[in-house]
Amino acid sequence: MAGKEKPKAQGGPVRAIEGERIAKVLSRAGVASRREAERMIELGEVAVNGKVITSPALNVTAADRITVRGEPVGAPEPPRLWLYYKPEGLVTSASDEKGRDTVFDHLPEDMPRVMSVGRLDLNSEGLLLLTNDGELKRRLELPSTGWLRKYRVRVKGNPTEPEIEPLRKGITVDGERFLGMEVKIDRHQGANAWLTIGLREGRNREIRRAMDHIGLTVNRLIRTSYGPFRLNELKPGEVEEVRPKVLREQLGLSETDVPSAARVERSARKPDTKPKAGPVDRAEPKGQPRPAGASVTRTRARPLKPGEGLKSLSDSWQKVTHPSARKDGKPAPDKPASDRPALDRPTKPRSAAGAPAPRPGRPRKG
């Protein structure tokens, strides 16, 4: 009713909650995904300011000191994304209870700690996205992105258009509804056929289960693209990082969210602590060692006047090419022939009369 005032909230004004949930902070720092970070917290592997916590319902700020299994958690690095050609036979998980090799066992040693965006089955191969940022991982995995994921699939059999048409409309397998797929028959090859399949959701073993539902068996599966990111010319086991500019453009992010490499380098660079210009060391004469305890005299070379450097270079050249030149730059007078050094060259032998002596062993004609 008019004229009545709303009752004031008791307990004073509500304060805004500061900081972020600890699971989100751990995810941004690349420790683990948000769900995995919550599991680690419940297991008592995370401590804040020296106190072990067991509930993820906690907000932390930059002033809090966080450790995971005793190791301090640093500030989050800028989000980065890599394209990786996962070979067949590797498990897409941090560890495997059966002791099989994982994707992370075969990554280059210089790569930081990364997480996979989605998964690929043990017997599947192709494009797998890797990131160091848990929030970026979560964003790329959300079904709301609607990104198309394409696969090259080889099946045993010779499917026809009527057989694969149900896949385009959507099917139900074991009570689970699969959305419609983009399916194209590329070619038949003996007892096999190659298909191109596009999905907009990532259910567990979706393609293999769908093919089995219509009587086809998948014997090779290669993911060729994940949204705008493509496998291109990558070979099995190779890794290629996505440039920050491309990552910003494809995700609609700003440079604040994904800084460029140059900006990251500048921010990581230490402040300029270069000492002020001072005297330089003067080389000591050879053969004259410095007495013990004596200090080194430091002087700065005098700057050359215009043209002085060229004259100095000319004088040095004269000394090298004409050792007899005088200090004043003028050529020294010629020495008498008797004072000149004899040329070290062979001379022809002559007879007593002054004529050239005959060569030995050869009689003279006439």
Protein backbone atom coordinates (compact mmCIF):
# COMPACT_ATOMS: atom_id res chain seq x y z
CA MET A 1 0.00 0.00 0.00
CA ALA A 2 1.00 3.60 -0.63
CA GLY A 3 2.63 5.37 2.24
CA LYS A 4 4.15 2.27 3.73
CA GLU A 5 7.91 1.94 3.85
CA LYS A 6 9.68 -1.29 3.12
CA PRO A 7 11.18 -2.87 6.22
CA LYS A 8 14.91 -2.43 6.45
CA ALA A 9 17.04 -5.51 6.29
CA GLN A 10 18.28 -6.51 9.68
CA GLY A 11 21.92 -7.07 10.37
CA GLY A 12 23.24 -4.07 8.45
CA PRO A 13 24.21 -3.77 4.79
CA VAL A 14 25.14 -6.92 2.89
CA ARG A 15 28.84 -7.01 2.01
CA ALA A 16 29.91 -8.21 -1.42
CA ILE A 17 31.82 -11.47 -1.28
CA GLU A 18 35.44 -10.85 -2.12
CA GLY A 19 37.69 -13.10 -4.12
CA GLU A 20 36.86 -16.24 -6.11
CA ARG A 21 36.00 -19.81 -5.24
CA ILE A 22 39.13 -21.77 -4.52
CA ALA A 23 38.30 -24.49 -7.05
CA LYS A 24 38.09 -21.84 -9.76
CA VAL A 25 41.41 -20.34 -8.69
CA LEU A 26 43.09 -23.75 -8.79
CA SER A 27 41.58 -24.35 -12.20
CA ARG A 28 42.83 -21.01 -13.55
CA ALA A 29 46.30 -21.78 -12.19
CA GLY A 30 46.36 -24.98 -14.25
CA VAL A 31 46.39 -27.32 -11.24
CA ALA A 32 43.34 -29.28 -12.36
CA SER A 33 39.87 -28.87 -13.75
CA ARG A 34 37.32 -27.31 -11.42
CA ARG A 35 35.66 -30.66 -10.71
CA GLU A 36 39.01 -32.35 -10.09
CA ALA A 37 40.07 -29.46 -7.83
CA GLU A 38 36.93 -29.95 -5.74
CA ARG A 39 37.77 -33.64 -5.38
CA MET A 40 41.32 -32.77 -4.27
CA ILE A 41 39.90 -30.37 -1.66
CA GLU A 42 37.56 -33.03 -0.27
CA LEU A 43 40.54 -35.41 0.03
CA GLY A 44 42.40 -32.83 2.16
CA GLU A 45 45.15 -32.16 -0.39
CA VAL A 46 44.68 -28.37 -0.40
CA ALA A 47 45.64 -25.90 2.32
CA VAL A 48 44.97 -22.16 2.59
CA ASN A 49 47.27 -20.07 4.77
CA GLY A 50 48.65 -23.22 6.36
CA LYS A 51 45.25 -24.74 7.20
CA VAL A 52 43.95 -27.81 5.38
CA ILE A 53 40.46 -27.34 3.95
CA THR A 54 37.92 -30.04 3.08
CA SER A 55 35.15 -27.96 1.51
CA PRO A 56 35.29 -26.05 -1.78
CA ALA A 57 32.83 -23.48 -0.39
CA LEU A 58 35.60 -20.96 0.24
CA ASN A 59 36.58 -17.74 -1.50
CA VAL A 60 40.22 -16.73 -1.69
CA THR A 61 42.05 -13.62 -2.83
CA ALA A 62 45.53 -12.89 -4.12
CA ALA A 63 46.65 -12.29 -0.53
CA ASP A 64 45.93 -15.92 0.48
CA ARG A 65 48.67 -18.52 0.34
CA ILE A 66 47.48 -21.75 -1.30
CA THR A 67 49.34 -25.05 -1.37
CA VAL A 68 48.46 -28.37 -3.01
CA ARG A 69 50.12 -31.42 -1.47
CA GLY A 70 52.60 -29.06 0.15
CA GLU A 71 53.55 -27.29 -3.09
CA PRO A 72 52.69 -23.58 -3.38
CA VAL A 73 50.31 -22.54 -6.14
CA GLY A 74 51.58 -19.62 -8.17
CA ALA A 75 49.67 -16.89 -9.94
CA PRO A 76 47.72 -18.06 -12.99
CA GLU A 77 49.53 -17.80 -16.31
CA PRO A 78 47.92 -16.33 -19.43
CA PRO A 79 45.56 -18.83 -21.11
CA ARG A 80 47.26 -20.86 -23.84
CA LEU A 81 45.99 -23.51 -26.25
CA TRP A 82 47.80 -26.27 -28.17
CA LEU A 83 46.80 -28.56 -31.03
CA TYR A 84 48.01 -32.13 -30.50
CA TYR A 85 47.78 -35.12 -32.81
CA LYS A 86 46.92 -37.91 -30.40
CA PRO A 87 48.26 -41.23 -31.66
CA GLU A 88 46.21 -44.38 -31.37
CA GLY A 89 46.82 -46.41 -28.19
CA LEU A 90 47.23 -43.54 -25.67
CA VAL A 91 44.84 -42.89 -22.79
CA THR A 92 43.48 -39.34 -22.47
CA SER A 93 43.81 -39.02 -18.70
CA ALA A 94 46.40 -37.87 -16.20
CA SER A 95 46.90 -41.44 -14.94
CA ASP A 96 45.64 -44.88 -15.83
CA GLU A 97 44.72 -47.57 -13.31
CA LYS A 98 45.88 -50.24 -15.76
CA GLY A 99 49.32 -48.70 -16.20
CA ARG A 100 48.85 -47.81 -19.87
CA ASP A 101 50.67 -44.90 -21.48
CA THR A 102 48.80 -41.61 -21.36
CA VAL A 103 48.82 -38.60 -23.64
CA PHE A 104 50.74 -36.61 -21.03
CA ASP A 105 53.55 -39.18 -20.92
CA HIS A 106 54.42 -38.37 -24.54
CA LEU A 107 54.26 -34.57 -24.60
CA PRO A 108 57.43 -32.46 -25.13
CA GLU A 109 59.38 -31.85 -21.95
CA ASP A 110 59.31 -28.06 -22.33
CA MET A 111 55.51 -27.88 -22.21
CA PRO A 112 53.84 -26.60 -19.01
CA ARG A 113 51.23 -28.58 -17.14
CA VAL A 114 48.21 -28.91 -19.43
CA MET A 115 44.73 -30.43 -19.44
CA SER A 116 42.86 -31.97 -22.32
CA VAL A 117 39.73 -30.40 -23.73
CA GLY A 118 37.38 -33.35 -23.92
CA ARG A 119 38.69 -36.83 -24.66
CA LEU A 120 39.51 -39.27 -27.39
CA ASP A 121 39.11 -43.02 -26.93
CA LEU A 122 42.10 -45.31 -26.59
CA ASN A 123 41.68 -46.58 -30.16
CA SER A 124 40.88 -43.15 -31.62
CA GLU A 125 43.38 -40.66 -32.96
CA GLY A 126 43.56 -37.12 -34.28
CA LEU A 127 43.08 -33.62 -32.95
CA LEU A 128 43.11 -33.13 -29.19
CA LEU A 129 43.10 -29.63 -27.70
CA LEU A 130 45.35 -28.99 -24.69
CA THR A 131 45.27 -25.94 -22.43
CA ASN A 132 46.95 -24.68 -19.27
CA ASP A 133 43.80 -22.88 -18.10
CA GLY A 134 40.90 -24.67 -16.44
CA GLU A 135 38.38 -21.95 -17.25
CA LEU A 136 39.32 -22.08 -20.92
CA LYS A 137 38.95 -25.87 -20.84
CA ARG A 138 35.48 -25.55 -19.35
CA ARG A 139 34.46 -22.93 -21.89
CA LEU A 140 35.58 -25.04 -24.85
CA GLU A 141 33.77 -28.11 -23.51
CA LEU A 142 30.41 -26.44 -22.92
CA PRO A 143 27.67 -27.76 -25.25
CA SER A 144 26.41 -24.18 -25.58
CA THR A 145 29.38 -23.35 -27.81
CA GLY A 146 27.77 -25.50 -30.51
CA TRP A 147 31.11 -26.13 -32.17
CA LEU A 148 31.11 -28.82 -34.85
CA ARG A 149 33.64 -31.61 -34.39
CA LYS A 150 34.52 -33.51 -37.54
CA TYR A 151 35.83 -37.05 -37.86
CA ARG A 152 37.13 -39.27 -40.64
CA VAL A 153 35.68 -42.71 -39.95
CA ARG A 154 36.46 -46.01 -41.61
CA VAL A 155 33.81 -48.69 -41.15
CA LYS A 156 33.65 -52.34 -42.13
CA GLY A 157 30.93 -52.77 -44.70
CA ASN A 158 29.38 -50.86 -47.58
CA PRO A 159 26.75 -48.54 -46.11
CA THR A 160 24.07 -46.98 -48.32
CA GLU A 161 22.26 -43.66 -47.99
CA PRO A 162 19.06 -45.26 -46.58
CA GLU A 163 21.13 -47.04 -43.92
CA ILE A 164 22.80 -43.87 -42.61
CA GLU A 165 19.73 -41.61 -42.89
CA PRO A 166 18.58 -42.38 -39.28
CA LEU A 167 21.89 -41.00 -38.01
CA ARG A 168 21.09 -37.63 -39.58
CA LYS A 169 17.69 -37.49 -37.87
CA GLY A 170 18.92 -38.67 -34.47
CA ILE A 171 18.69 -42.06 -32.83
CA THR A 172 18.27 -43.55 -29.35
CA VAL A 173 20.90 -46.06 -28.19
CA ASP A 174 20.41 -47.93 -24.90
CA GLY A 175 17.91 -45.33 -23.77
CA GLU A 176 20.26 -42.43 -24.58
CA ARG A 177 19.18 -39.94 -27.22
CA PHE A 178 21.81 -38.90 -29.77
CA LEU A 179 21.32 -35.68 -31.68
CA GLY A 180 21.39 -35.73 -35.45
CA MET A 181 24.83 -36.12 -37.03
CA GLU A 182 26.26 -34.82 -40.27
CA VAL A 183 27.16 -37.97 -42.20
CA LYS A 184 28.67 -38.15 -45.67
CA ILE A 185 29.83 -41.26 -47.54
CA ASP A 186 33.21 -40.40 -49.08
CA ARG A 187 34.17 -43.62 -50.85
CA HIS A 188 34.12 -47.39 -50.69
CA GLN A 189 37.45 -49.17 -50.41
CA GLY A 190 37.22 -52.95 -50.70
CA ALA A 191 35.36 -54.30 -47.69
CA ASN A 192 35.51 -50.90 -45.98
CA ALA A 193 34.05 -47.44 -46.47
CA TRP A 194 35.25 -43.98 -45.45
CA LEU A 195 32.76 -41.53 -43.92
CA THR A 196 32.96 -37.92 -42.74
CA ILE A 197 30.93 -37.38 -39.58
CA GLY A 198 30.19 -34.13 -37.75
CA LEU A 199 28.99 -33.89 -34.12
CA ARG A 200 27.90 -31.02 -31.93
CA GLU A 201 27.99 -32.96 -28.67
CA GLY A 202 30.59 -35.19 -27.12
CA ARG A 203 28.99 -38.27 -25.60
CA ASN A 204 31.06 -41.25 -24.61
CA ARG A 205 31.98 -43.39 -27.66
CA GLU A 206 29.10 -41.77 -29.53
CA ILE A 207 30.22 -42.56 -33.10
CA ARG A 208 31.18 -46.16 -32.38
CA ARG A 209 27.90 -46.83 -30.58
CA ALA A 210 25.86 -45.17 -33.33
CA MET A 211 27.61 -47.14 -36.08
CA ASP A 212 27.15 -50.37 -34.18
CA HIS A 213 23.44 -49.52 -33.84
CA ILE A 214 22.99 -49.58 -37.64
CA GLY A 215 25.16 -52.67 -38.13
CA LEU A 216 28.55 -51.10 -38.97
CA THR A 217 31.86 -51.61 -37.16
CA VAL A 218 34.35 -48.75 -36.81
CA ASN A 219 37.94 -49.88 -37.42
CA ARG A 220 39.56 -46.43 -37.60
CA LEU A 221 38.51 -43.02 -36.27
CA ILE A 222 40.40 -39.74 -36.75
CA ARG A 223 39.21 -36.39 -35.41
CA THR A 224 40.16 -33.74 -37.95
CA SER A 225 38.73 -30.57 -36.40
CA TYR A 226 37.29 -29.11 -33.21
CA GLY A 227 35.31 -26.01 -34.04
CA PRO A 228 37.62 -23.58 -35.87
CA PHE A 229 40.76 -25.53 -34.92
CA ARG A 230 41.96 -28.05 -37.48
CA LEU A 231 44.47 -30.88 -37.60
CA ASN A 232 45.95 -29.66 -40.90
CA GLU A 233 49.42 -31.10 -41.55
CA LEU A 234 50.19 -32.32 -38.02
CA LYS A 235 51.70 -35.79 -37.74
CA PRO A 236 50.95 -38.26 -34.89
CA GLY A 237 52.60 -37.03 -31.71
CA GLU A 238 53.24 -33.46 -32.95
CA VAL A 239 52.16 -30.36 -31.00
CA GLU A 240 51.47 -26.84 -32.26
CA GLU A 241 50.48 -23.84 -30.14
CA VAL A 242 47.62 -21.59 -31.22
CA ARG A 243 48.72 -17.96 -31.51
CA PRO A 244 47.14 -15.62 -28.92
CA LYS A 245 45.65 -13.45 -31.66
CA VAL A 246 43.86 -16.44 -33.23
CA LEU A 247 42.66 -17.59 -29.82
CA ARG A 248 41.20 -14.15 -29.07
CA GLU A 249 39.46 -13.95 -32.44
CA GLN A 250 37.92 -17.41 -32.26
CA LEU A 251 36.69 -17.05 -28.68
CA GLY A 252 35.75 -13.40 -28.78
CA LEU A 253 38.17 -12.51 -25.98
CA SER A 254 40.08 -9.30 -25.35
CA GLU A 255 43.82 -8.86 -25.00
CA THR A 256 43.26 -8.55 -21.25
CA ASP A 257 41.94 -12.13 -21.20
CA VAL A 258 44.55 -13.53 -23.60
CA PRO A 259 47.58 -11.22 -23.81
CA SER A 260 49.94 -11.42 -26.74
CA ALA A 261 53.34 -13.05 -26.37
CA ALA A 262 55.09 -9.66 -26.51
CA ARG A 263 52.90 -8.30 -23.74
CA VAL A 264 53.52 -11.34 -21.55
CA GLU A 265 57.27 -10.93 -22.09
CA ARG A 266 57.14 -7.26 -21.14
CA SER A 267 55.11 -7.93 -18.00
CA ALA A 268 57.49 -10.70 -16.95
CA ARG A 269 60.57 -8.54 -17.56
CA LYS A 270 62.25 -7.21 -14.44
CA PRO A 271 62.38 -3.43 -13.90
CA ASP A 272 65.34 -1.66 -15.41
CA THR A 273 68.13 -1.78 -12.83
CA LYS A 274 70.94 -0.91 -15.22
CA PRO A 275 73.64 1.15 -13.41
CA LYS A 276 74.25 4.68 -14.52
CA ALA A 277 76.91 5.29 -17.12
CA GLY A 278 80.28 5.31 -15.41
CA PRO A 279 83.96 4.90 -16.17
CA VAL A 280 85.14 1.93 -18.14
CA ASP A 281 88.09 -0.33 -17.45
CA ARG A 282 91.38 0.67 -19.01
CA ALA A 283 93.42 -2.28 -20.16
CA GLU A 284 96.73 -2.64 -18.31
CA PRO A 285 99.96 -2.78 -20.33
CA LYS A 286 101.16 -6.26 -21.11
CA GLY A 287 104.04 -7.47 -19.00
CA GLN A 288 103.25 -5.02 -16.19
CA PRO A 289 101.02 -6.80 -13.68
CA ARG A 290 99.10 -4.70 -11.22
CA PRO A 291 100.67 -4.55 -7.76
CA ALA A 292 98.78 -6.38 -5.05
CA GLY A 293 96.21 -4.16 -3.39
CA ALA A 294 96.38 -1.52 -6.08
CA SER A 295 93.07 -0.23 -7.40
CA VAL A 296 92.13 -0.26 -11.05
CA THR A 297 91.93 3.14 -12.68
CA ARG A 298 88.69 3.56 -14.61
CA THR A 299 88.57 6.17 -17.35
CA ARG A 300 86.20 6.79 -20.21
CA ALA A 301 87.59 7.03 -23.72
CA ARG A 302 87.62 10.56 -25.17
CA PRO A 303 85.07 10.97 -27.99
CA LEU A 304 86.66 11.49 -31.40
CA LYS A 305 86.29 14.74 -33.28
CA PRO A 306 84.79 14.77 -36.79
CA GLY A 307 87.32 13.34 -39.26
CA GLU A 308 89.73 12.24 -36.51
CA GLY A 309 88.75 8.61 -36.79
CA LEU A 310 89.43 8.55 -40.54
CA LYS A 311 92.88 10.16 -40.06
CA SER A 312 93.77 7.65 -37.36
CA LEU A 313 92.77 4.81 -39.65
CA SER A 314 94.87 6.27 -42.49
CA ASP A 315 97.96 6.59 -40.25
CA SER A 316 97.60 2.99 -39.12
CA TRP A 317 97.33 1.83 -42.70
CA GLN A 318 100.49 3.74 -43.65
CA LYS A 319 102.46 2.13 -40.82
CA VAL A 320 101.42 -1.33 -41.93
CA THR A 321 101.96 -0.91 -45.65
CA HIS A 322 104.97 1.49 -45.50
CA PRO A 323 107.05 0.76 -42.40
CA SER A 324 109.65 3.37 -43.49
CA ALA A 325 107.13 6.22 -43.37
CA ARG A 326 107.98 9.08 -40.99
CA LYS A 327 105.82 10.07 -38.03
CA ASP A 328 104.78 13.29 -39.73
CA GLY A 329 103.02 11.29 -42.43
CA LYS A 330 105.48 12.16 -45.20
CA PRO A 331 107.28 9.33 -47.04
CA ALA A 332 110.89 8.77 -46.00
CA PRO A 333 113.64 9.48 -48.60
CA ASP A 334 114.74 6.57 -50.72
CA LYS A 335 117.73 4.64 -49.41
CA PRO A 336 120.82 4.13 -51.60
CA ALA A 337 120.81 1.00 -53.63
CA SER A 338 123.66 -0.42 -51.54
CA ASP A 339 121.50 -0.09 -48.39
CA ARG A 340 118.49 -1.71 -49.93
CA PRO A 341 117.91 -5.32 -48.97
CA ALA A 342 118.53 -7.82 -51.73
CA LEU A 343 115.44 -9.37 -53.19
CA ASP A 344 115.09 -12.98 -52.39
CA ARG A 345 114.75 -14.24 -55.93
CA PRO A 346 116.87 -16.61 -58.09
CA THR A 347 119.31 -15.07 -60.61
CA LYS A 348 120.61 -16.61 -63.83
CA PRO A 349 124.24 -17.74 -63.71
CA ARG A 350 126.60 -15.80 -65.98
CA SER A 351 129.99 -16.60 -67.47
CA ALA A 352 133.19 -14.61 -66.85
CA ALA A 353 132.59 -12.58 -70.04
CA GLY A 354 129.21 -11.54 -68.81
CA ALA A 355 127.17 -13.76 -71.14
CA PRO A 356 124.74 -16.19 -69.69
CA ALA A 357 126.39 -19.48 -68.84
CA PRO A 358 125.25 -22.47 -70.85
CA ARG A 359 122.92 -24.94 -69.22
CA PRO A 360 124.77 -27.98 -67.97
CA GLY A 361 124.36 -31.21 -69.91
CA ARG A 362 123.34 -29.53 -73.17
CA PRO A 363 126.00 -28.93 -75.93
CA ARG A 364 125.96 -25.60 -77.65
CA LYS A 365 125.16 -25.52 -81.36
CA GLY A 366 127.64 -24.26 -83.97
